[in-house]
Amino acid sequence: MPSNSDRSQSAAPSAGEAPPERRLSLLLLLVAANQRMTRLVERELSADGVEHAHYGTLSMLGAFGPLRLTEVARELGVPLTTASDVVRRLEGQGLVLRRQNPEDGRSFLFELSARGDREWRRGWGALQRINERLQAEIDEEGTRQVLIALGAAFARELGEP
């Protein structure tokens, strides 16, 4: 049996054997941070009476829209089918509008409806409060660069452009 020093870092320890390193991996730290971030955003949005489900899509369309479905999927980092489901759900709730893309006449552009714009703006304060507290605790530019690098690394692993 190889010793811990011979074993690759990706190999799981044998039954009854302690892991070679007692600290969480980078991936587990990211998963835990994401879970906490999600709970924090849900709490802050709920305090303002805003539905948190798909608020990220509303924010993206509010800040950058109108967008093609492929752009929505790329920006959210989800498959096209997932983006389609989300946009369809938001359309059904009267929060998003679909219109013909004037550039090609075949694709569609998605943008916030007046109701979607009100919902997005209502929740914006919650996100700004979270952002202000984060900026008081972390180096924003350094963190931004790390997050961009992580996003690019994950995209490469997924074979995304």
N, C-alpha and C. Protein backbone atom coordinates (compact mmCIF):
# COMPACT_ATOMS: atom_id res chain seq x y z
N MET A 1 0.85 -1.19 0.00
CA MET A 1 0.00 0.00 0.00
C MET A 1 0.89 1.24 0.00
N PRO A 2 0.63 2.21 -0.88
CA PRO A 2 1.46 3.40 -0.94
C PRO A 2 1.27 4.26 0.30
N SER A 3 2.30 4.94 0.71
CA SER A 3 2.19 5.85 1.86
C SER A 3 1.46 7.10 1.41
N ASN A 4 1.06 7.95 2.39
CA ASN A 4 0.36 9.19 2.07
C ASN A 4 1.21 10.08 1.17
N SER A 5 2.54 10.03 1.33
CA SER A 5 3.38 10.88 0.50
C SER A 5 3.42 10.39 -0.94
N ASP A 6 3.19 9.05 -1.17
CA ASP A 6 3.18 8.51 -2.52
C ASP A 6 1.83 8.68 -3.20
N ARG A 7 0.80 8.82 -2.43
CA ARG A 7 -0.56 8.86 -2.96
C ARG A 7 -0.83 10.21 -3.62
N SER A 8 -1.53 10.18 -4.74
CA SER A 8 -1.89 11.45 -5.38
C SER A 8 -2.87 12.19 -4.48
N GLN A 9 -2.89 13.50 -4.58
CA GLN A 9 -3.76 14.30 -3.73
C GLN A 9 -5.23 14.02 -4.00
N SER A 10 -5.56 13.48 -5.15
CA SER A 10 -6.96 13.26 -5.49
C SER A 10 -7.50 11.94 -4.95
N ALA A 11 -6.61 11.05 -4.49
CA ALA A 11 -7.06 9.75 -4.00
C ALA A 11 -7.72 9.89 -2.64
N ALA A 12 -8.83 9.21 -2.46
CA ALA A 12 -9.53 9.22 -1.18
C ALA A 12 -8.80 8.30 -0.21
N PRO A 13 -8.81 8.63 1.08
CA PRO A 13 -8.16 7.76 2.05
C PRO A 13 -8.90 6.43 2.16
N SER A 14 -8.18 5.39 2.54
CA SER A 14 -8.79 4.09 2.77
C SER A 14 -9.68 4.15 3.99
N ALA A 15 -10.59 3.19 4.12
CA ALA A 15 -11.48 3.14 5.27
C ALA A 15 -10.65 3.12 6.55
N GLY A 16 -11.00 3.94 7.50
CA GLY A 16 -10.32 4.01 8.78
C GLY A 16 -9.05 4.85 8.75
N GLU A 17 -8.64 5.29 7.59
CA GLU A 17 -7.42 6.09 7.45
C GLU A 17 -7.80 7.57 7.47
N ALA A 18 -7.05 8.38 8.19
CA ALA A 18 -7.32 9.81 8.25
C ALA A 18 -6.91 10.46 6.94
N PRO A 19 -7.66 11.45 6.49
CA PRO A 19 -7.25 12.17 5.28
C PRO A 19 -5.87 12.77 5.49
N PRO A 20 -5.06 12.83 4.42
CA PRO A 20 -3.71 13.35 4.57
C PRO A 20 -3.68 14.81 5.00
N GLU A 21 -4.68 15.57 4.65
CA GLU A 21 -4.73 16.97 5.02
C GLU A 21 -6.05 17.22 5.73
N ARG A 22 -6.01 17.89 6.88
CA ARG A 22 -7.22 18.09 7.68
C ARG A 22 -7.94 19.40 7.35
N ARG A 23 -7.55 20.07 6.33
CA ARG A 23 -8.24 21.31 5.98
C ARG A 23 -9.07 21.09 4.72
N LEU A 24 -10.10 21.92 4.59
CA LEU A 24 -11.01 21.77 3.45
C LEU A 24 -10.31 22.13 2.15
N SER A 25 -10.66 21.43 1.11
CA SER A 25 -10.11 21.74 -0.22
C SER A 25 -10.69 23.06 -0.70
N LEU A 26 -10.05 23.63 -1.70
CA LEU A 26 -10.52 24.88 -2.29
C LEU A 26 -11.96 24.73 -2.79
N LEU A 27 -12.25 23.61 -3.42
CA LEU A 27 -13.59 23.39 -3.96
C LEU A 27 -14.63 23.35 -2.84
N LEU A 28 -14.34 22.66 -1.75
CA LEU A 28 -15.30 22.61 -0.64
C LEU A 28 -15.48 23.98 0.01
N LEU A 29 -14.41 24.76 0.08
CA LEU A 29 -14.53 26.12 0.62
C LEU A 29 -15.45 26.96 -0.28
N LEU A 30 -15.31 26.79 -1.59
CA LEU A 30 -16.18 27.52 -2.52
C LEU A 30 -17.64 27.09 -2.38
N VAL A 31 -17.87 25.79 -2.25
CA VAL A 31 -19.23 25.29 -2.09
C VAL A 31 -19.85 25.86 -0.82
N ALA A 32 -19.10 25.82 0.27
CA ALA A 32 -19.62 26.33 1.55
C ALA A 32 -19.89 27.84 1.46
N ALA A 33 -18.98 28.59 0.84
CA ALA A 33 -19.18 30.03 0.69
C ALA A 33 -20.41 30.32 -0.17
N ASN A 34 -20.59 29.54 -1.24
CA ASN A 34 -21.75 29.72 -2.11
C ASN A 34 -23.05 29.46 -1.35
N GLN A 35 -23.07 28.43 -0.53
CA GLN A 35 -24.28 28.13 0.25
C GLN A 35 -24.61 29.28 1.19
N ARG A 36 -23.59 29.80 1.85
CA ARG A 36 -23.82 30.92 2.78
C ARG A 36 -24.25 32.18 2.02
N MET A 37 -23.63 32.44 0.89
CA MET A 37 -24.00 33.61 0.09
C MET A 37 -25.46 33.50 -0.35
N THR A 38 -25.86 32.33 -0.79
CA THR A 38 -27.24 32.13 -1.22
C THR A 38 -28.22 32.40 -0.08
N ARG A 39 -27.90 31.87 1.09
CA ARG A 39 -28.79 32.11 2.25
C ARG A 39 -28.84 33.58 2.61
N LEU A 40 -27.71 34.27 2.55
CA LEU A 40 -27.67 35.70 2.87
C LEU A 40 -28.49 36.51 1.87
N VAL A 41 -28.34 36.23 0.58
CA VAL A 41 -29.11 36.95 -0.44
C VAL A 41 -30.60 36.68 -0.26
N GLU A 42 -30.96 35.43 -0.02
CA GLU A 42 -32.38 35.10 0.21
C GLU A 42 -32.92 35.87 1.40
N ARG A 43 -32.16 35.92 2.49
CA ARG A 43 -32.61 36.63 3.69
C ARG A 43 -32.80 38.12 3.43
N GLU A 44 -31.82 38.73 2.76
CA GLU A 44 -31.89 40.18 2.51
C GLU A 44 -33.02 40.53 1.53
N LEU A 45 -33.18 39.72 0.49
CA LEU A 45 -34.27 39.99 -0.45
C LEU A 45 -35.62 39.80 0.22
N SER A 46 -35.76 38.74 1.01
CA SER A 46 -37.02 38.49 1.71
C SER A 46 -37.37 39.63 2.65
N ALA A 47 -36.35 40.21 3.29
CA ALA A 47 -36.60 41.33 4.20
C ALA A 47 -37.19 42.52 3.46
N ASP A 48 -36.87 42.63 2.17
CA ASP A 48 -37.43 43.72 1.35
C ASP A 48 -38.69 43.28 0.61
N GLY A 49 -39.17 42.06 0.89
CA GLY A 49 -40.39 41.56 0.26
C GLY A 49 -40.20 41.15 -1.18
N VAL A 50 -38.97 40.76 -1.56
CA VAL A 50 -38.68 40.39 -2.94
C VAL A 50 -38.48 38.88 -3.02
N GLU A 51 -39.11 38.25 -4.01
CA GLU A 51 -38.94 36.82 -4.25
C GLU A 51 -37.53 36.57 -4.73
N HIS A 52 -36.80 35.70 -4.07
CA HIS A 52 -35.39 35.49 -4.42
C HIS A 52 -35.17 34.55 -5.61
N ALA A 53 -36.14 33.71 -5.89
CA ALA A 53 -35.98 32.76 -7.00
C ALA A 53 -35.78 33.54 -8.31
N HIS A 54 -34.70 33.29 -8.98
CA HIS A 54 -34.38 33.88 -10.28
C HIS A 54 -34.13 35.38 -10.22
N TYR A 55 -33.83 35.92 -9.03
CA TYR A 55 -33.54 37.35 -8.95
C TYR A 55 -32.26 37.68 -9.73
N GLY A 56 -31.32 36.74 -9.80
CA GLY A 56 -30.11 36.98 -10.58
C GLY A 56 -30.41 37.25 -12.04
N THR A 57 -31.38 36.54 -12.58
CA THR A 57 -31.76 36.76 -13.98
C THR A 57 -32.40 38.13 -14.14
N LEU A 58 -33.25 38.52 -13.21
CA LEU A 58 -33.85 39.85 -13.26
C LEU A 58 -32.76 40.91 -13.19
N SER A 59 -31.79 40.73 -12.31
CA SER A 59 -30.70 41.70 -12.16
C SER A 59 -29.89 41.83 -13.43
N MET A 60 -29.59 40.70 -14.04
CA MET A 60 -28.81 40.71 -15.26
C MET A 60 -29.55 41.42 -16.38
N LEU A 61 -30.84 41.09 -16.54
CA LEU A 61 -31.63 41.75 -17.59
C LEU A 61 -31.83 43.23 -17.27
N GLY A 62 -31.97 43.57 -16.01
CA GLY A 62 -32.12 44.96 -15.63
C GLY A 62 -30.86 45.77 -15.90
N ALA A 63 -29.71 45.18 -15.65
CA ALA A 63 -28.45 45.88 -15.83
C ALA A 63 -27.95 45.86 -17.26
N PHE A 64 -28.18 44.75 -17.99
CA PHE A 64 -27.57 44.58 -19.31
C PHE A 64 -28.55 44.35 -20.46
N GLY A 65 -29.83 44.12 -20.14
CA GLY A 65 -30.78 43.74 -21.17
C GLY A 65 -31.05 44.84 -22.16
N PRO A 66 -31.74 44.53 -23.24
CA PRO A 66 -32.24 43.22 -23.64
C PRO A 66 -31.10 42.30 -24.12
N LEU A 67 -31.29 41.00 -23.87
CA LEU A 67 -30.28 39.99 -24.22
C LEU A 67 -30.91 38.82 -24.97
N ARG A 68 -30.08 38.18 -25.82
CA ARG A 68 -30.50 36.93 -26.46
C ARG A 68 -30.41 35.82 -25.42
N LEU A 69 -31.12 34.75 -25.64
CA LEU A 69 -31.13 33.63 -24.71
C LEU A 69 -29.72 33.07 -24.51
N THR A 70 -28.94 33.00 -25.57
CA THR A 70 -27.57 32.49 -25.44
C THR A 70 -26.74 33.38 -24.52
N GLU A 71 -26.98 34.68 -24.56
CA GLU A 71 -26.26 35.60 -23.66
C GLU A 71 -26.72 35.42 -22.22
N VAL A 72 -28.01 35.21 -22.02
CA VAL A 72 -28.52 34.95 -20.67
C VAL A 72 -27.85 33.69 -20.10
N ALA A 73 -27.81 32.63 -20.88
CA ALA A 73 -27.20 31.37 -20.43
C ALA A 73 -25.73 31.57 -20.11
N ARG A 74 -25.00 32.24 -21.00
CA ARG A 74 -23.57 32.45 -20.79
C ARG A 74 -23.31 33.27 -19.53
N GLU A 75 -24.04 34.35 -19.35
CA GLU A 75 -23.83 35.22 -18.19
C GLU A 75 -24.19 34.54 -16.88
N LEU A 76 -25.22 33.70 -16.91
CA LEU A 76 -25.61 32.97 -15.70
C LEU A 76 -24.75 31.73 -15.47
N GLY A 77 -24.03 31.30 -16.51
CA GLY A 77 -23.20 30.11 -16.39
C GLY A 77 -24.01 28.83 -16.32
N VAL A 78 -25.13 28.81 -17.07
CA VAL A 78 -26.01 27.65 -17.06
C VAL A 78 -26.22 27.16 -18.49
N PRO A 79 -26.67 25.91 -18.65
CA PRO A 79 -27.00 25.42 -20.00
C PRO A 79 -28.15 26.23 -20.61
N LEU A 80 -28.18 26.23 -21.92
CA LEU A 80 -29.23 26.94 -22.65
C LEU A 80 -30.63 26.49 -22.23
N THR A 81 -30.80 25.19 -21.99
CA THR A 81 -32.12 24.68 -21.59
C THR A 81 -32.54 25.25 -20.24
N THR A 82 -31.60 25.39 -19.32
CA THR A 82 -31.91 25.96 -18.00
C THR A 82 -32.29 27.43 -18.14
N ALA A 83 -31.51 28.17 -18.93
CA ALA A 83 -31.83 29.59 -19.15
C ALA A 83 -33.21 29.73 -19.78
N SER A 84 -33.52 28.85 -20.72
CA SER A 84 -34.83 28.89 -21.38
C SER A 84 -35.95 28.66 -20.37
N ASP A 85 -35.77 27.68 -19.49
CA ASP A 85 -36.79 27.40 -18.46
C ASP A 85 -36.98 28.60 -17.54
N VAL A 86 -35.88 29.21 -17.11
CA VAL A 86 -35.96 30.35 -16.20
C VAL A 86 -36.67 31.52 -16.88
N VAL A 87 -36.26 31.84 -18.09
CA VAL A 87 -36.87 32.96 -18.81
C VAL A 87 -38.35 32.70 -19.06
N ARG A 88 -38.69 31.47 -19.44
CA ARG A 88 -40.09 31.13 -19.67
C ARG A 88 -40.91 31.31 -18.38
N ARG A 89 -40.35 30.88 -17.26
CA ARG A 89 -41.05 31.04 -15.97
C ARG A 89 -41.25 32.53 -15.65
N LEU A 90 -40.21 33.33 -15.87
CA LEU A 90 -40.32 34.76 -15.60
C LEU A 90 -41.29 35.44 -16.55
N GLU A 91 -41.33 34.97 -17.79
CA GLU A 91 -42.33 35.47 -18.75
C GLU A 91 -43.73 35.16 -18.25
N GLY A 92 -43.94 33.95 -17.80
CA GLY A 92 -45.24 33.53 -17.29
C GLY A 92 -45.70 34.34 -16.09
N GLN A 93 -44.74 34.85 -15.32
CA GLN A 93 -45.07 35.68 -14.16
C GLN A 93 -45.21 37.16 -14.53
N GLY A 94 -45.03 37.46 -15.81
CA GLY A 94 -45.17 38.84 -16.26
C GLY A 94 -43.98 39.72 -15.92
N LEU A 95 -42.81 39.12 -15.63
CA LEU A 95 -41.63 39.87 -15.24
C LEU A 95 -40.67 40.12 -16.41
N VAL A 96 -40.77 39.30 -17.45
CA VAL A 96 -39.88 39.38 -18.60
C VAL A 96 -40.70 39.39 -19.88
N LEU A 97 -40.24 40.17 -20.85
CA LEU A 97 -40.88 40.24 -22.16
C LEU A 97 -39.94 39.65 -23.21
N ARG A 98 -40.53 39.02 -24.21
CA ARG A 98 -39.79 38.46 -25.34
C ARG A 98 -40.19 39.27 -26.57
N ARG A 99 -39.16 39.67 -27.35
CA ARG A 99 -39.46 40.35 -28.60
C ARG A 99 -38.48 39.90 -29.68
N GLN A 100 -38.91 40.03 -30.91
CA GLN A 100 -38.08 39.65 -32.06
C GLN A 100 -36.80 40.48 -32.06
N ASN A 101 -35.68 39.81 -32.36
CA ASN A 101 -34.40 40.50 -32.46
C ASN A 101 -34.36 41.25 -33.79
N PRO A 102 -34.29 42.58 -33.79
CA PRO A 102 -34.31 43.34 -35.04
C PRO A 102 -33.06 43.12 -35.89
N GLU A 103 -31.99 42.60 -35.29
CA GLU A 103 -30.75 42.38 -36.05
C GLU A 103 -30.85 41.20 -37.00
N ASP A 104 -31.59 40.14 -36.61
CA ASP A 104 -31.65 38.98 -37.50
C ASP A 104 -33.06 38.49 -37.80
N GLY A 105 -34.04 38.94 -37.04
CA GLY A 105 -35.42 38.56 -37.29
C GLY A 105 -35.77 37.13 -36.93
N ARG A 106 -34.78 36.34 -36.52
CA ARG A 106 -35.04 34.93 -36.18
C ARG A 106 -34.98 34.69 -34.67
N SER A 107 -34.01 35.30 -34.03
CA SER A 107 -33.86 35.08 -32.59
C SER A 107 -34.72 36.08 -31.82
N PHE A 108 -34.75 35.88 -30.51
CA PHE A 108 -35.53 36.76 -29.65
C PHE A 108 -34.61 37.47 -28.66
N LEU A 109 -35.08 38.62 -28.22
CA LEU A 109 -34.42 39.35 -27.15
C LEU A 109 -35.34 39.32 -25.94
N PHE A 110 -34.73 39.25 -24.76
CA PHE A 110 -35.49 39.22 -23.52
C PHE A 110 -35.13 40.45 -22.70
N GLU A 111 -36.16 41.06 -22.15
CA GLU A 111 -35.97 42.26 -21.34
C GLU A 111 -37.01 42.28 -20.23
N LEU A 112 -36.76 43.11 -19.24
CA LEU A 112 -37.71 43.22 -18.14
C LEU A 112 -38.97 43.93 -18.59
N SER A 113 -40.09 43.46 -18.10
CA SER A 113 -41.35 44.18 -18.26
C SER A 113 -41.34 45.32 -17.23
N ALA A 114 -42.33 46.17 -17.26
CA ALA A 114 -42.42 47.24 -16.26
C ALA A 114 -42.49 46.63 -14.86
N ARG A 115 -43.25 45.56 -14.72
CA ARG A 115 -43.36 44.87 -13.43
C ARG A 115 -42.03 44.25 -13.02
N GLY A 116 -41.33 43.63 -13.99
CA GLY A 116 -40.02 43.04 -13.71
C GLY A 116 -39.01 44.09 -13.30
N ASP A 117 -39.08 45.26 -13.94
CA ASP A 117 -38.18 46.35 -13.60
C ASP A 117 -38.43 46.84 -12.17
N ARG A 118 -39.69 46.95 -11.79
CA ARG A 118 -40.02 47.36 -10.41
C ARG A 118 -39.49 46.33 -9.41
N GLU A 119 -39.65 45.04 -9.70
CA GLU A 119 -39.19 43.98 -8.81
C GLU A 119 -37.66 44.00 -8.69
N TRP A 120 -37.00 44.18 -9.83
CA TRP A 120 -35.54 44.25 -9.82
C TRP A 120 -35.06 45.43 -8.97
N ARG A 121 -35.65 46.59 -9.18
CA ARG A 121 -35.23 47.78 -8.44
C ARG A 121 -35.55 47.67 -6.95
N ARG A 122 -36.64 47.01 -6.63
CA ARG A 122 -37.01 46.82 -5.23
C ARG A 122 -35.96 45.97 -4.49
N GLY A 123 -35.40 45.00 -5.16
CA GLY A 123 -34.41 44.14 -4.54
C GLY A 123 -32.99 44.66 -4.59
N TRP A 124 -32.76 45.69 -5.40
CA TRP A 124 -31.41 46.20 -5.59
C TRP A 124 -30.78 46.68 -4.28
N GLY A 125 -31.57 47.30 -3.42
CA GLY A 125 -31.05 47.79 -2.14
C GLY A 125 -30.48 46.66 -1.29
N ALA A 126 -31.14 45.50 -1.33
CA ALA A 126 -30.66 44.35 -0.56
C ALA A 126 -29.28 43.93 -1.03
N LEU A 127 -29.10 43.88 -2.34
CA LEU A 127 -27.79 43.48 -2.89
C LEU A 127 -26.73 44.52 -2.58
N GLN A 128 -27.10 45.78 -2.60
CA GLN A 128 -26.13 46.83 -2.28
C GLN A 128 -25.71 46.78 -0.81
N ARG A 129 -26.64 46.47 0.07
CA ARG A 129 -26.28 46.34 1.50
C ARG A 129 -25.27 45.21 1.70
N ILE A 130 -25.52 44.07 1.04
CA ILE A 130 -24.59 42.94 1.15
C ILE A 130 -23.23 43.35 0.58
N ASN A 131 -23.24 43.97 -0.58
CA ASN A 131 -21.99 44.37 -1.24
C ASN A 131 -21.19 45.33 -0.36
N GLU A 132 -21.85 46.30 0.24
CA GLU A 132 -21.15 47.26 1.11
C GLU A 132 -20.50 46.57 2.29
N ARG A 133 -21.20 45.62 2.90
CA ARG A 133 -20.63 44.89 4.04
C ARG A 133 -19.44 44.04 3.59
N LEU A 134 -19.55 43.41 2.43
CA LEU A 134 -18.44 42.61 1.92
C LEU A 134 -17.22 43.48 1.63
N GLN A 135 -17.45 44.62 1.01
CA GLN A 135 -16.34 45.50 0.67
C GLN A 135 -15.61 46.01 1.91
N ALA A 136 -16.33 46.11 3.03
CA ALA A 136 -15.69 46.54 4.27
C ALA A 136 -14.79 45.45 4.84
N GLU A 137 -14.98 44.20 4.43
CA GLU A 137 -14.23 43.08 4.99
C GLU A 137 -13.16 42.50 4.08
N ILE A 138 -13.29 42.70 2.77
CA ILE A 138 -12.35 42.04 1.85
C ILE A 138 -11.75 43.05 0.88
N ASP A 139 -10.64 42.66 0.28
CA ASP A 139 -10.01 43.44 -0.78
C ASP A 139 -10.80 43.18 -2.05
N GLU A 140 -11.58 44.16 -2.49
CA GLU A 140 -12.47 43.94 -3.62
C GLU A 140 -11.73 43.59 -4.89
N GLU A 141 -10.70 44.34 -5.25
CA GLU A 141 -10.03 44.09 -6.53
C GLU A 141 -9.34 42.73 -6.54
N GLY A 142 -8.68 42.37 -5.45
CA GLY A 142 -8.03 41.07 -5.37
C GLY A 142 -9.03 39.94 -5.45
N THR A 143 -10.14 40.09 -4.76
CA THR A 143 -11.19 39.08 -4.78
C THR A 143 -11.81 38.98 -6.16
N ARG A 144 -12.03 40.11 -6.79
CA ARG A 144 -12.60 40.13 -8.14
C ARG A 144 -11.71 39.34 -9.11
N GLN A 145 -10.40 39.56 -9.02
CA GLN A 145 -9.47 38.86 -9.91
C GLN A 145 -9.49 37.36 -9.65
N VAL A 146 -9.55 36.95 -8.38
CA VAL A 146 -9.62 35.52 -8.04
C VAL A 146 -10.91 34.91 -8.58
N LEU A 147 -12.03 35.60 -8.41
CA LEU A 147 -13.31 35.08 -8.89
C LEU A 147 -13.35 34.98 -10.41
N ILE A 148 -12.77 35.95 -11.09
CA ILE A 148 -12.70 35.89 -12.56
C ILE A 148 -11.86 34.69 -12.98
N ALA A 149 -10.72 34.50 -12.32
CA ALA A 149 -9.85 33.37 -12.65
C ALA A 149 -10.55 32.05 -12.37
N LEU A 150 -11.28 31.95 -11.26
CA LEU A 150 -12.02 30.72 -10.94
C LEU A 150 -13.10 30.46 -11.97
N GLY A 151 -13.84 31.50 -12.35
CA GLY A 151 -14.88 31.34 -13.36
C GLY A 151 -14.30 30.84 -14.67
N ALA A 152 -13.15 31.39 -15.06
CA ALA A 152 -12.50 30.96 -16.30
C ALA A 152 -12.02 29.51 -16.19
N ALA A 153 -11.47 29.14 -15.03
CA ALA A 153 -11.00 27.76 -14.84
C ALA A 153 -12.16 26.78 -14.91
N PHE A 154 -13.28 27.11 -14.27
CA PHE A 154 -14.44 26.24 -14.32
C PHE A 154 -14.97 26.15 -15.76
N ALA A 155 -15.01 27.27 -16.48
CA ALA A 155 -15.47 27.26 -17.86
C ALA A 155 -14.58 26.35 -18.72
N ARG A 156 -13.27 26.42 -18.53
CA ARG A 156 -12.35 25.55 -19.28
C ARG A 156 -12.64 24.08 -18.96
N GLU A 157 -12.83 23.76 -17.69
CA GLU A 157 -13.12 22.38 -17.29
C GLU A 157 -14.42 21.89 -17.92
N LEU A 158 -15.37 22.79 -18.10
CA LEU A 158 -16.66 22.43 -18.72
C LEU A 158 -16.62 22.47 -20.23
N GLY A 159 -15.47 22.89 -20.80
CA GLY A 159 -15.35 22.98 -22.24
C GLY A 159 -16.11 24.14 -22.84
N GLU A 160 -16.34 25.18 -22.04
CA GLU A 160 -17.07 26.35 -22.52
C GLU A 160 -16.08 27.32 -23.14
N PRO A 161 -16.53 28.12 -24.09
CA PRO A 161 -15.62 29.10 -24.73
C PRO A 161 -15.22 30.20 -23.76
